[in-house]
N, C-alpha and C. Protein backbone atom coordinates (compact mmCIF):
# COMPACT_ATOMS: atom_id res chain seq x y z
N UNK A 1 -28.62 -63.48 -46.58
CA UNK A 1 -29.20 -63.53 -45.26
C UNK A 1 -28.58 -62.47 -44.34
N UNK A 2 -27.23 -62.24 -44.51
CA UNK A 2 -26.57 -61.23 -43.68
C UNK A 2 -27.09 -59.84 -43.99
N UNK A 3 -27.27 -59.52 -45.28
CA UNK A 3 -27.74 -58.18 -45.64
C UNK A 3 -29.17 -57.97 -45.17
N UNK A 4 -30.01 -59.00 -45.22
CA UNK A 4 -31.37 -58.89 -44.74
C UNK A 4 -31.38 -58.61 -43.24
N UNK A 5 -30.55 -59.33 -42.49
CA UNK A 5 -30.47 -59.15 -41.05
C UNK A 5 -29.94 -57.75 -40.70
N UNK A 6 -28.93 -57.27 -41.46
CA UNK A 6 -28.37 -55.94 -41.22
C UNK A 6 -29.42 -54.86 -41.49
N UNK A 7 -30.20 -55.00 -42.58
CA UNK A 7 -31.26 -54.03 -42.89
C UNK A 7 -32.35 -54.05 -41.83
N UNK A 8 -32.71 -55.24 -41.37
CA UNK A 8 -33.75 -55.36 -40.35
C UNK A 8 -33.32 -54.67 -39.04
N UNK A 9 -32.07 -54.91 -38.62
CA UNK A 9 -31.56 -54.28 -37.39
C UNK A 9 -31.48 -52.77 -37.56
N UNK A 10 -31.05 -52.30 -38.72
CA UNK A 10 -30.96 -50.86 -38.98
C UNK A 10 -32.34 -50.21 -38.93
N UNK A 11 -33.35 -50.85 -39.54
CA UNK A 11 -34.70 -50.31 -39.51
C UNK A 11 -35.25 -50.24 -38.08
N UNK A 12 -34.97 -51.27 -37.31
CA UNK A 12 -35.45 -51.28 -35.92
C UNK A 12 -34.78 -50.17 -35.10
N UNK A 13 -33.49 -49.97 -35.32
CA UNK A 13 -32.78 -48.90 -34.60
C UNK A 13 -33.34 -47.52 -34.98
N UNK A 14 -33.60 -47.33 -36.28
CA UNK A 14 -34.17 -46.05 -36.71
C UNK A 14 -35.57 -45.85 -36.14
N UNK A 15 -36.38 -46.91 -36.11
CA UNK A 15 -37.72 -46.81 -35.56
C UNK A 15 -37.67 -46.47 -34.06
N UNK A 16 -36.78 -47.12 -33.32
CA UNK A 16 -36.63 -46.81 -31.90
C UNK A 16 -36.13 -45.37 -31.70
N UNK A 17 -35.22 -44.91 -32.55
CA UNK A 17 -34.73 -43.54 -32.45
C UNK A 17 -35.83 -42.52 -32.72
N UNK A 18 -36.65 -42.78 -33.73
CA UNK A 18 -37.76 -41.86 -34.03
C UNK A 18 -38.77 -41.85 -32.89
N UNK A 19 -39.09 -43.03 -32.36
CA UNK A 19 -40.01 -43.09 -31.22
C UNK A 19 -39.45 -42.34 -30.01
N UNK A 20 -38.15 -42.49 -29.78
CA UNK A 20 -37.50 -41.79 -28.66
C UNK A 20 -37.61 -40.27 -28.82
N UNK A 21 -37.34 -39.78 -30.03
CA UNK A 21 -37.44 -38.34 -30.26
C UNK A 21 -38.88 -37.84 -30.16
N UNK A 22 -39.84 -38.65 -30.62
CA UNK A 22 -41.24 -38.24 -30.52
C UNK A 22 -41.69 -38.17 -29.06
N UNK A 23 -41.20 -39.09 -28.24
CA UNK A 23 -41.57 -39.06 -26.83
C UNK A 23 -40.89 -37.92 -26.09
N UNK A 24 -39.70 -37.57 -26.48
CA UNK A 24 -38.93 -36.51 -25.81
C UNK A 24 -39.40 -35.12 -26.21
N UNK A 25 -39.96 -34.96 -27.37
CA UNK A 25 -40.37 -33.64 -27.85
C UNK A 25 -39.70 -33.32 -29.16
N UNK A 26 -40.17 -32.28 -29.81
CA UNK A 26 -39.63 -31.93 -31.12
C UNK A 26 -38.90 -30.60 -31.11
N UNK A 27 -38.49 -30.11 -29.95
CA UNK A 27 -37.79 -28.84 -29.86
C UNK A 27 -36.28 -29.00 -29.98
N UNK A 28 -35.59 -27.90 -29.75
CA UNK A 28 -34.13 -27.91 -29.83
C UNK A 28 -33.51 -28.64 -28.64
N UNK A 29 -34.30 -28.92 -27.61
CA UNK A 29 -33.76 -29.61 -26.44
C UNK A 29 -34.15 -31.09 -26.42
N UNK A 30 -34.56 -31.64 -27.54
CA UNK A 30 -34.99 -33.04 -27.58
C UNK A 30 -33.85 -33.99 -27.24
N UNK A 31 -32.64 -33.62 -27.56
CA UNK A 31 -31.51 -34.48 -27.26
C UNK A 31 -30.61 -33.86 -26.20
N UNK A 32 -31.20 -33.16 -25.25
CA UNK A 32 -30.38 -32.44 -24.28
C UNK A 32 -29.65 -33.37 -23.33
N UNK A 33 -30.07 -34.62 -23.22
CA UNK A 33 -29.34 -35.58 -22.38
C UNK A 33 -27.96 -35.83 -22.97
N UNK A 34 -27.89 -35.88 -24.29
CA UNK A 34 -26.63 -36.11 -24.99
C UNK A 34 -26.23 -34.82 -25.70
N UNK A 35 -25.96 -33.76 -24.91
CA UNK A 35 -25.76 -32.44 -25.50
C UNK A 35 -24.48 -32.34 -26.31
N UNK A 36 -23.51 -33.22 -26.12
CA UNK A 36 -22.29 -33.13 -26.93
C UNK A 36 -22.49 -33.71 -28.31
N UNK A 37 -23.46 -34.60 -28.47
CA UNK A 37 -23.65 -35.25 -29.76
C UNK A 37 -24.78 -34.70 -30.57
N UNK A 38 -25.38 -33.61 -30.17
CA UNK A 38 -26.52 -33.08 -30.90
C UNK A 38 -26.07 -32.15 -32.02
N UNK A 39 -26.90 -32.05 -33.03
CA UNK A 39 -26.58 -31.16 -34.14
C UNK A 39 -27.47 -29.93 -34.14
N UNK A 40 -28.32 -29.77 -33.13
CA UNK A 40 -29.20 -28.62 -33.07
C UNK A 40 -28.44 -27.40 -32.57
N UNK A 41 -28.88 -26.24 -33.01
CA UNK A 41 -28.30 -24.99 -32.53
C UNK A 41 -29.36 -24.25 -31.72
N UNK A 42 -28.92 -23.65 -30.65
CA UNK A 42 -29.81 -22.86 -29.81
C UNK A 42 -29.47 -21.40 -30.05
N UNK A 43 -30.49 -20.56 -30.20
CA UNK A 43 -30.28 -19.15 -30.48
C UNK A 43 -29.60 -18.42 -29.34
N UNK A 44 -29.08 -17.23 -29.61
CA UNK A 44 -28.38 -16.47 -28.56
C UNK A 44 -29.35 -16.03 -27.47
N UNK A 45 -28.83 -15.93 -26.26
CA UNK A 45 -29.63 -15.45 -25.15
C UNK A 45 -29.59 -13.93 -25.11
N UNK A 46 -30.58 -13.35 -24.49
CA UNK A 46 -30.61 -11.89 -24.35
C UNK A 46 -29.43 -11.44 -23.50
N UNK A 47 -28.85 -10.30 -23.85
CA UNK A 47 -27.66 -9.85 -23.13
C UNK A 47 -27.99 -9.30 -21.75
N UNK A 48 -29.11 -8.61 -21.61
CA UNK A 48 -29.49 -8.11 -20.29
C UNK A 48 -30.57 -9.03 -19.74
N UNK A 49 -30.19 -9.87 -18.79
CA UNK A 49 -31.15 -10.76 -18.17
C UNK A 49 -31.10 -10.60 -16.66
N UNK A 50 -30.79 -9.41 -16.22
CA UNK A 50 -30.59 -9.16 -14.80
C UNK A 50 -31.88 -8.61 -14.21
N UNK A 51 -32.19 -9.05 -13.01
CA UNK A 51 -33.43 -8.62 -12.39
C UNK A 51 -33.22 -7.60 -11.27
N UNK A 52 -32.07 -7.64 -10.60
CA UNK A 52 -31.82 -6.69 -9.50
C UNK A 52 -30.34 -6.32 -9.48
N UNK A 53 -30.04 -5.15 -8.91
CA UNK A 53 -28.69 -4.60 -8.94
C UNK A 53 -28.44 -3.86 -7.63
N UNK A 54 -27.36 -4.22 -6.95
CA UNK A 54 -26.90 -3.48 -5.76
C UNK A 54 -25.55 -2.88 -6.12
N UNK A 55 -25.36 -1.60 -5.82
CA UNK A 55 -24.09 -0.97 -6.17
C UNK A 55 -23.62 -0.04 -5.06
N UNK A 56 -22.32 0.12 -5.01
CA UNK A 56 -21.66 1.01 -4.05
C UNK A 56 -20.69 1.88 -4.84
N UNK A 57 -20.76 3.20 -4.64
CA UNK A 57 -19.91 4.10 -5.42
C UNK A 57 -19.27 5.14 -4.53
N UNK A 58 -18.20 5.72 -5.07
CA UNK A 58 -17.51 6.83 -4.41
C UNK A 58 -17.22 7.88 -5.47
N UNK A 59 -17.58 9.14 -5.19
CA UNK A 59 -17.41 10.24 -6.14
C UNK A 59 -16.60 11.35 -5.50
N UNK A 60 -15.78 12.00 -6.33
CA UNK A 60 -14.91 13.08 -5.86
C UNK A 60 -15.06 14.27 -6.81
N UNK A 61 -15.19 15.47 -6.23
CA UNK A 61 -15.13 16.71 -6.99
C UNK A 61 -13.67 17.15 -6.99
N UNK A 62 -13.01 17.12 -8.14
CA UNK A 62 -11.57 17.39 -8.18
C UNK A 62 -11.23 18.87 -7.99
N UNK A 63 -12.21 19.78 -8.12
CA UNK A 63 -11.95 21.19 -7.80
C UNK A 63 -11.91 21.41 -6.29
N UNK A 64 -12.76 20.68 -5.57
CA UNK A 64 -12.82 20.75 -4.11
C UNK A 64 -12.73 19.31 -3.61
N UNK A 65 -11.53 18.86 -3.30
CA UNK A 65 -11.34 17.44 -2.97
C UNK A 65 -11.99 17.04 -1.66
N UNK A 66 -12.39 18.00 -0.82
CA UNK A 66 -13.11 17.63 0.40
C UNK A 66 -14.58 17.32 0.11
N UNK A 67 -15.04 17.64 -1.09
CA UNK A 67 -16.42 17.34 -1.49
C UNK A 67 -16.46 15.94 -2.10
N UNK A 68 -16.84 14.96 -1.29
CA UNK A 68 -16.88 13.57 -1.72
C UNK A 68 -18.24 12.97 -1.36
N UNK A 69 -18.70 12.04 -2.18
CA UNK A 69 -19.97 11.36 -1.95
C UNK A 69 -19.74 9.85 -1.96
N UNK A 70 -20.31 9.16 -1.00
CA UNK A 70 -20.36 7.70 -1.00
C UNK A 70 -21.82 7.31 -1.13
N UNK A 71 -22.11 6.44 -2.11
CA UNK A 71 -23.49 6.16 -2.48
C UNK A 71 -23.76 4.66 -2.46
N UNK A 72 -24.94 4.28 -1.96
CA UNK A 72 -25.44 2.91 -2.03
C UNK A 72 -26.74 2.95 -2.82
N UNK A 73 -26.85 2.06 -3.83
CA UNK A 73 -28.04 2.03 -4.67
C UNK A 73 -28.59 0.61 -4.75
N UNK A 74 -29.90 0.50 -4.76
CA UNK A 74 -30.58 -0.76 -5.03
C UNK A 74 -31.58 -0.50 -6.13
N UNK A 75 -31.50 -1.28 -7.21
CA UNK A 75 -32.38 -1.06 -8.33
C UNK A 75 -32.93 -2.35 -8.90
N UNK A 76 -34.03 -2.22 -9.61
CA UNK A 76 -34.67 -3.34 -10.30
C UNK A 76 -34.49 -3.11 -11.79
N UNK A 77 -33.92 -4.10 -12.48
CA UNK A 77 -33.61 -3.96 -13.90
C UNK A 77 -34.79 -4.44 -14.74
N UNK A 78 -35.01 -3.74 -15.84
CA UNK A 78 -36.03 -4.12 -16.79
C UNK A 78 -35.49 -3.85 -18.18
N UNK A 79 -34.75 -4.80 -18.73
CA UNK A 79 -34.11 -4.76 -20.05
C UNK A 79 -33.22 -3.54 -20.21
N UNK A 80 -33.72 -2.42 -20.72
CA UNK A 80 -32.86 -1.27 -21.04
C UNK A 80 -32.90 -0.18 -19.98
N UNK A 81 -33.57 -0.40 -18.85
CA UNK A 81 -33.62 0.61 -17.80
C UNK A 81 -33.60 -0.03 -16.42
N UNK A 82 -33.12 0.74 -15.45
CA UNK A 82 -33.11 0.34 -14.04
C UNK A 82 -33.66 1.49 -13.22
N UNK A 83 -34.54 1.20 -12.31
CA UNK A 83 -35.07 2.22 -11.40
C UNK A 83 -34.93 1.71 -9.98
N UNK A 84 -34.76 2.63 -9.04
CA UNK A 84 -34.58 2.16 -7.69
C UNK A 84 -34.41 3.25 -6.65
N UNK A 85 -33.81 2.84 -5.55
CA UNK A 85 -33.66 3.62 -4.33
C UNK A 85 -32.18 3.89 -4.10
N UNK A 86 -31.86 5.10 -3.65
CA UNK A 86 -30.46 5.48 -3.44
C UNK A 86 -30.31 6.20 -2.10
N UNK A 87 -29.21 5.92 -1.43
CA UNK A 87 -28.83 6.60 -0.19
C UNK A 87 -27.38 7.03 -0.35
N UNK A 88 -27.06 8.30 -0.03
CA UNK A 88 -25.66 8.72 -0.10
C UNK A 88 -25.29 9.56 1.12
N UNK A 89 -23.99 9.68 1.31
CA UNK A 89 -23.43 10.46 2.42
C UNK A 89 -22.46 11.47 1.84
N UNK A 90 -22.69 12.74 2.15
CA UNK A 90 -21.82 13.82 1.69
C UNK A 90 -20.79 14.11 2.78
N UNK A 91 -19.51 13.94 2.45
CA UNK A 91 -18.44 14.17 3.44
C UNK A 91 -18.29 15.66 3.75
N UNK A 92 -18.53 16.52 2.77
CA UNK A 92 -18.37 17.96 3.00
C UNK A 92 -19.48 18.51 3.89
N UNK A 93 -20.72 18.13 3.61
CA UNK A 93 -21.86 18.63 4.38
C UNK A 93 -22.16 17.78 5.60
N UNK A 94 -21.55 16.61 5.71
CA UNK A 94 -21.79 15.68 6.82
C UNK A 94 -23.29 15.39 6.98
N UNK A 95 -23.92 15.01 5.85
CA UNK A 95 -25.33 14.70 5.93
C UNK A 95 -25.68 13.55 4.99
N UNK A 96 -26.73 12.83 5.37
CA UNK A 96 -27.26 11.73 4.58
C UNK A 96 -28.39 12.25 3.70
N UNK A 97 -28.47 11.70 2.48
CA UNK A 97 -29.56 12.04 1.57
C UNK A 97 -30.14 10.75 1.01
N UNK A 98 -31.38 10.80 0.62
CA UNK A 98 -32.03 9.64 0.03
C UNK A 98 -32.90 10.10 -1.13
N UNK A 99 -33.22 9.17 -2.01
CA UNK A 99 -34.03 9.52 -3.16
C UNK A 99 -34.20 8.34 -4.10
N UNK A 100 -34.60 8.68 -5.31
CA UNK A 100 -34.80 7.67 -6.34
C UNK A 100 -33.95 7.96 -7.55
N UNK A 101 -33.76 6.93 -8.38
CA UNK A 101 -32.97 7.12 -9.59
C UNK A 101 -33.57 6.33 -10.73
N UNK A 102 -33.24 6.76 -11.94
CA UNK A 102 -33.59 6.06 -13.17
C UNK A 102 -32.33 5.99 -14.01
N UNK A 103 -31.92 4.78 -14.36
CA UNK A 103 -30.71 4.56 -15.16
C UNK A 103 -31.13 3.94 -16.49
N UNK A 104 -30.68 4.54 -17.59
CA UNK A 104 -30.99 4.05 -18.94
C UNK A 104 -29.73 3.52 -19.59
N UNK A 105 -29.89 2.49 -20.42
CA UNK A 105 -28.77 1.87 -21.12
C UNK A 105 -28.99 2.02 -22.63
N UNK A 106 -28.46 3.10 -23.25
CA UNK A 106 -28.67 3.28 -24.69
C UNK A 106 -27.90 2.28 -25.55
N UNK A 107 -26.78 1.76 -25.05
CA UNK A 107 -26.00 0.77 -25.80
C UNK A 107 -25.58 -0.33 -24.83
N UNK A 108 -25.80 -1.57 -25.23
CA UNK A 108 -25.43 -2.71 -24.40
C UNK A 108 -24.65 -3.69 -25.26
N UNK A 109 -23.33 -3.68 -25.08
CA UNK A 109 -22.48 -4.62 -25.80
C UNK A 109 -22.15 -5.82 -24.95
N UNK A 110 -21.25 -6.64 -25.45
CA UNK A 110 -20.88 -7.84 -24.71
C UNK A 110 -20.05 -7.51 -23.48
N UNK A 111 -19.15 -6.55 -23.57
CA UNK A 111 -18.27 -6.21 -22.45
C UNK A 111 -18.48 -4.78 -21.93
N UNK A 112 -19.03 -3.89 -22.75
CA UNK A 112 -19.18 -2.48 -22.39
C UNK A 112 -20.65 -2.09 -22.54
N UNK A 113 -21.16 -1.39 -21.54
CA UNK A 113 -22.52 -0.86 -21.57
C UNK A 113 -22.47 0.63 -21.26
N UNK A 114 -23.12 1.44 -22.09
CA UNK A 114 -23.21 2.87 -21.83
C UNK A 114 -24.41 3.14 -20.93
N UNK A 115 -24.29 4.14 -20.06
CA UNK A 115 -25.29 4.39 -19.04
C UNK A 115 -25.57 5.88 -18.93
N UNK A 116 -26.84 6.24 -18.76
CA UNK A 116 -27.26 7.60 -18.42
C UNK A 116 -28.17 7.48 -17.20
N UNK A 117 -27.92 8.33 -16.19
CA UNK A 117 -28.66 8.19 -14.93
C UNK A 117 -29.21 9.55 -14.50
N UNK A 118 -30.44 9.54 -13.98
CA UNK A 118 -31.10 10.71 -13.44
C UNK A 118 -31.45 10.41 -11.99
N UNK A 119 -31.09 11.33 -11.09
CA UNK A 119 -31.25 11.08 -9.65
C UNK A 119 -31.83 12.31 -8.97
N UNK A 120 -32.81 12.10 -8.09
CA UNK A 120 -33.42 13.17 -7.30
C UNK A 120 -33.23 12.82 -5.83
N UNK A 121 -32.63 13.74 -5.05
CA UNK A 121 -32.25 13.45 -3.67
C UNK A 121 -32.87 14.46 -2.70
N UNK A 122 -33.22 13.95 -1.50
CA UNK A 122 -33.71 14.78 -0.40
C UNK A 122 -32.86 14.50 0.83
N UNK A 123 -32.45 15.53 1.58
CA UNK A 123 -31.70 15.28 2.82
C UNK A 123 -32.61 14.69 3.90
N UNK A 124 -32.04 13.83 4.74
CA UNK A 124 -32.86 13.21 5.78
C UNK A 124 -32.47 13.66 7.18
N UNK A 125 -31.43 14.50 7.31
CA UNK A 125 -31.04 14.97 8.65
C UNK A 125 -31.41 16.43 8.82
N UNK A 126 -30.55 17.34 8.46
CA UNK A 126 -30.84 18.76 8.60
C UNK A 126 -30.87 19.39 7.20
N UNK A 127 -31.31 20.62 7.10
CA UNK A 127 -31.51 21.32 5.82
C UNK A 127 -32.49 20.53 4.96
N UNK A 128 -33.66 20.26 5.48
CA UNK A 128 -34.62 19.40 4.79
C UNK A 128 -35.14 20.01 3.49
N UNK A 129 -34.96 21.30 3.30
CA UNK A 129 -35.43 21.91 2.06
C UNK A 129 -34.35 21.92 0.98
N UNK A 130 -33.21 21.30 1.22
CA UNK A 130 -32.10 21.30 0.28
C UNK A 130 -32.21 20.09 -0.65
N UNK A 131 -33.01 20.23 -1.70
CA UNK A 131 -33.20 19.15 -2.66
C UNK A 131 -32.14 19.24 -3.73
N UNK A 132 -31.78 18.10 -4.32
CA UNK A 132 -30.77 18.12 -5.38
C UNK A 132 -31.18 17.19 -6.50
N UNK A 133 -30.67 17.51 -7.67
CA UNK A 133 -30.91 16.72 -8.88
C UNK A 133 -29.57 16.50 -9.56
N UNK A 134 -29.35 15.30 -10.06
CA UNK A 134 -28.08 15.04 -10.74
C UNK A 134 -28.31 14.21 -12.00
N UNK A 135 -27.42 14.42 -12.95
CA UNK A 135 -27.40 13.68 -14.21
C UNK A 135 -26.02 13.06 -14.34
N UNK A 136 -25.99 11.76 -14.65
CA UNK A 136 -24.71 11.06 -14.78
C UNK A 136 -24.63 10.36 -16.12
N UNK A 137 -23.42 10.20 -16.60
CA UNK A 137 -23.14 9.41 -17.79
C UNK A 137 -21.91 8.57 -17.54
N UNK A 138 -21.92 7.34 -18.02
CA UNK A 138 -20.77 6.50 -17.74
C UNK A 138 -20.71 5.24 -18.56
N UNK A 139 -19.69 4.46 -18.28
CA UNK A 139 -19.42 3.20 -18.96
C UNK A 139 -19.38 2.10 -17.92
N UNK A 140 -20.15 1.03 -18.13
CA UNK A 140 -20.12 -0.13 -17.25
C UNK A 140 -19.30 -1.21 -17.94
N UNK A 141 -18.26 -1.68 -17.27
CA UNK A 141 -17.42 -2.76 -17.78
C UNK A 141 -17.88 -4.05 -17.12
N UNK A 142 -18.54 -4.91 -17.90
CA UNK A 142 -19.09 -6.15 -17.37
C UNK A 142 -19.33 -7.12 -18.51
N UNK A 143 -19.20 -8.41 -18.21
CA UNK A 143 -19.54 -9.43 -19.20
C UNK A 143 -20.88 -10.06 -18.87
N UNK A 144 -21.75 -9.32 -18.21
CA UNK A 144 -23.09 -9.74 -17.81
C UNK A 144 -23.05 -10.95 -16.88
N UNK A 145 -22.04 -10.98 -16.04
CA UNK A 145 -22.01 -11.98 -14.97
C UNK A 145 -22.48 -11.28 -13.70
N UNK A 146 -22.04 -11.71 -12.54
CA UNK A 146 -22.56 -11.15 -11.29
C UNK A 146 -21.95 -9.81 -10.91
N UNK A 147 -20.79 -9.44 -11.45
CA UNK A 147 -20.13 -8.20 -11.04
C UNK A 147 -19.90 -7.28 -12.23
N UNK A 148 -19.86 -5.97 -11.96
CA UNK A 148 -19.55 -4.98 -12.97
C UNK A 148 -18.89 -3.78 -12.33
N UNK A 149 -18.04 -3.10 -13.10
CA UNK A 149 -17.36 -1.89 -12.64
C UNK A 149 -17.78 -0.75 -13.55
N UNK A 150 -18.14 0.37 -12.96
CA UNK A 150 -18.63 1.51 -13.72
C UNK A 150 -17.76 2.73 -13.45
N UNK A 151 -17.40 3.42 -14.52
CA UNK A 151 -16.70 4.70 -14.45
C UNK A 151 -17.68 5.76 -14.94
N UNK A 152 -17.91 6.81 -14.15
CA UNK A 152 -18.95 7.76 -14.53
C UNK A 152 -18.58 9.18 -14.11
N UNK A 153 -19.29 10.12 -14.71
CA UNK A 153 -19.16 11.55 -14.43
C UNK A 153 -20.55 12.08 -14.10
N UNK A 154 -20.65 12.88 -13.03
CA UNK A 154 -21.94 13.36 -12.55
C UNK A 154 -21.96 14.89 -12.51
N UNK A 155 -23.08 15.47 -12.96
CA UNK A 155 -23.34 16.89 -12.79
C UNK A 155 -24.49 17.01 -11.79
N UNK A 156 -24.22 17.63 -10.64
CA UNK A 156 -25.22 17.75 -9.58
C UNK A 156 -25.49 19.22 -9.30
N UNK A 157 -26.75 19.52 -8.97
CA UNK A 157 -27.13 20.88 -8.61
C UNK A 157 -28.15 20.85 -7.48
N UNK A 158 -28.12 21.88 -6.63
CA UNK A 158 -29.12 22.03 -5.57
C UNK A 158 -30.31 22.79 -6.15
N UNK A 159 -31.51 22.27 -5.95
CA UNK A 159 -32.70 22.91 -6.50
C UNK A 159 -33.21 24.04 -5.63
N UNK A 160 -32.95 23.99 -4.33
CA UNK A 160 -33.52 25.00 -3.43
C UNK A 160 -32.51 26.04 -2.97
N UNK A 161 -31.22 25.77 -3.12
CA UNK A 161 -30.20 26.75 -2.74
C UNK A 161 -29.35 27.10 -3.96
N UNK A 162 -29.03 28.37 -4.17
CA UNK A 162 -28.22 28.73 -5.34
C UNK A 162 -26.73 28.49 -5.09
N UNK A 163 -26.38 27.25 -4.86
CA UNK A 163 -24.98 26.96 -4.55
C UNK A 163 -24.17 26.55 -5.78
N UNK A 164 -24.78 26.53 -6.92
CA UNK A 164 -24.04 26.23 -8.14
C UNK A 164 -24.09 24.77 -8.54
N UNK A 165 -23.33 24.49 -9.57
CA UNK A 165 -23.28 23.14 -10.14
C UNK A 165 -21.94 22.52 -9.79
N UNK A 166 -21.96 21.27 -9.37
CA UNK A 166 -20.73 20.52 -9.05
C UNK A 166 -20.59 19.36 -10.02
N UNK A 167 -19.35 19.07 -10.39
CA UNK A 167 -19.05 17.93 -11.24
C UNK A 167 -18.25 16.92 -10.43
N UNK A 168 -18.71 15.68 -10.43
CA UNK A 168 -18.06 14.60 -9.70
C UNK A 168 -17.61 13.52 -10.66
N UNK A 169 -16.45 12.94 -10.40
CA UNK A 169 -15.99 11.74 -11.10
C UNK A 169 -16.06 10.59 -10.11
N UNK A 170 -16.49 9.43 -10.59
CA UNK A 170 -16.68 8.34 -9.63
C UNK A 170 -16.48 6.96 -10.21
N UNK A 171 -16.40 6.02 -9.28
CA UNK A 171 -16.29 4.60 -9.60
C UNK A 171 -17.40 3.89 -8.84
N UNK A 172 -18.09 2.99 -9.51
CA UNK A 172 -19.18 2.24 -8.89
C UNK A 172 -18.96 0.75 -9.13
N UNK A 173 -19.16 -0.04 -8.07
CA UNK A 173 -19.07 -1.50 -8.15
C UNK A 173 -20.49 -2.04 -8.09
N UNK A 174 -20.86 -2.87 -9.08
CA UNK A 174 -22.20 -3.45 -9.15
C UNK A 174 -22.15 -4.92 -8.76
N UNK A 175 -23.19 -5.39 -8.09
CA UNK A 175 -23.44 -6.81 -7.92
C UNK A 175 -24.84 -7.07 -8.44
N UNK A 176 -24.95 -7.99 -9.40
CA UNK A 176 -26.22 -8.29 -10.03
C UNK A 176 -26.79 -9.59 -9.49
N UNK A 177 -28.07 -9.58 -9.14
CA UNK A 177 -28.78 -10.80 -8.82
C UNK A 177 -29.36 -11.32 -10.13
N UNK A 178 -28.85 -12.42 -10.61
CA UNK A 178 -29.27 -12.94 -11.90
C UNK A 178 -30.29 -14.04 -11.67
N UNK A 179 -31.53 -13.75 -12.00
CA UNK A 179 -32.60 -14.74 -11.94
C UNK A 179 -33.45 -14.54 -13.18
N UNK A 180 -33.71 -15.61 -13.88
CA UNK A 180 -34.60 -15.54 -15.02
C UNK A 180 -35.99 -15.96 -14.55
N UNK A 181 -37.01 -15.30 -15.05
CA UNK A 181 -38.37 -15.66 -14.67
C UNK A 181 -38.73 -17.03 -15.23
N UNK A 182 -38.24 -17.36 -16.40
CA UNK A 182 -38.49 -18.66 -17.02
C UNK A 182 -37.13 -19.22 -17.42
N UNK A 183 -36.64 -20.18 -16.66
CA UNK A 183 -35.31 -20.73 -16.92
C UNK A 183 -35.29 -21.50 -18.23
N UNK A 184 -34.29 -21.21 -19.04
CA UNK A 184 -34.08 -21.97 -20.26
C UNK A 184 -33.19 -23.16 -19.96
N UNK A 185 -33.47 -24.32 -20.56
CA UNK A 185 -32.54 -25.44 -20.35
C UNK A 185 -31.24 -25.16 -21.08
N UNK A 186 -30.14 -25.45 -20.43
CA UNK A 186 -28.84 -25.21 -21.04
C UNK A 186 -28.43 -26.44 -21.83
N UNK A 187 -28.33 -26.27 -23.15
CA UNK A 187 -27.98 -27.39 -24.02
C UNK A 187 -26.48 -27.54 -24.08
N UNK A 188 -25.75 -26.43 -24.22
CA UNK A 188 -24.30 -26.48 -24.33
C UNK A 188 -23.70 -26.02 -23.01
N UNK A 189 -22.77 -26.78 -22.49
CA UNK A 189 -22.13 -26.40 -21.23
C UNK A 189 -20.66 -26.26 -21.41
């Protein structure tokens, strides 16, 4: 009689468990209420899930230390590229410039991301015909959280004046707005 009662209770518990799982769904999040006791595995998340980026940088030309640039950038991220708006101030020329940029990420690791950037600038105060183009390469140190630090080297040239090519070394601080378009439920915390 005891074994019959034990089997009956076990069958009822299994039936209730199956019904519970059927009502909850058949995905990897079916037991997300009890996330410590689940045996399901959830696949890795994408490493670049950032939607917007604000950054502030300072660049110095070490041949002419009075030639310094302070830059503010706002960009929209799309997996392996970021495009956006940039404003900078040249300490040597005492003028503001504005333009657009395109930043590409050829390698994205867990802690280090390689970056290549193309920037086109126009002055907004005086010397309005003094357009410039720059190419940058650098390393972003970030664990894909809200902040990142970038070390980069820039080659800049004036397109309308034959003033030569300047090389700048710089540091950029990034703040990322992390929003996913479709939030995934977090099973493991």
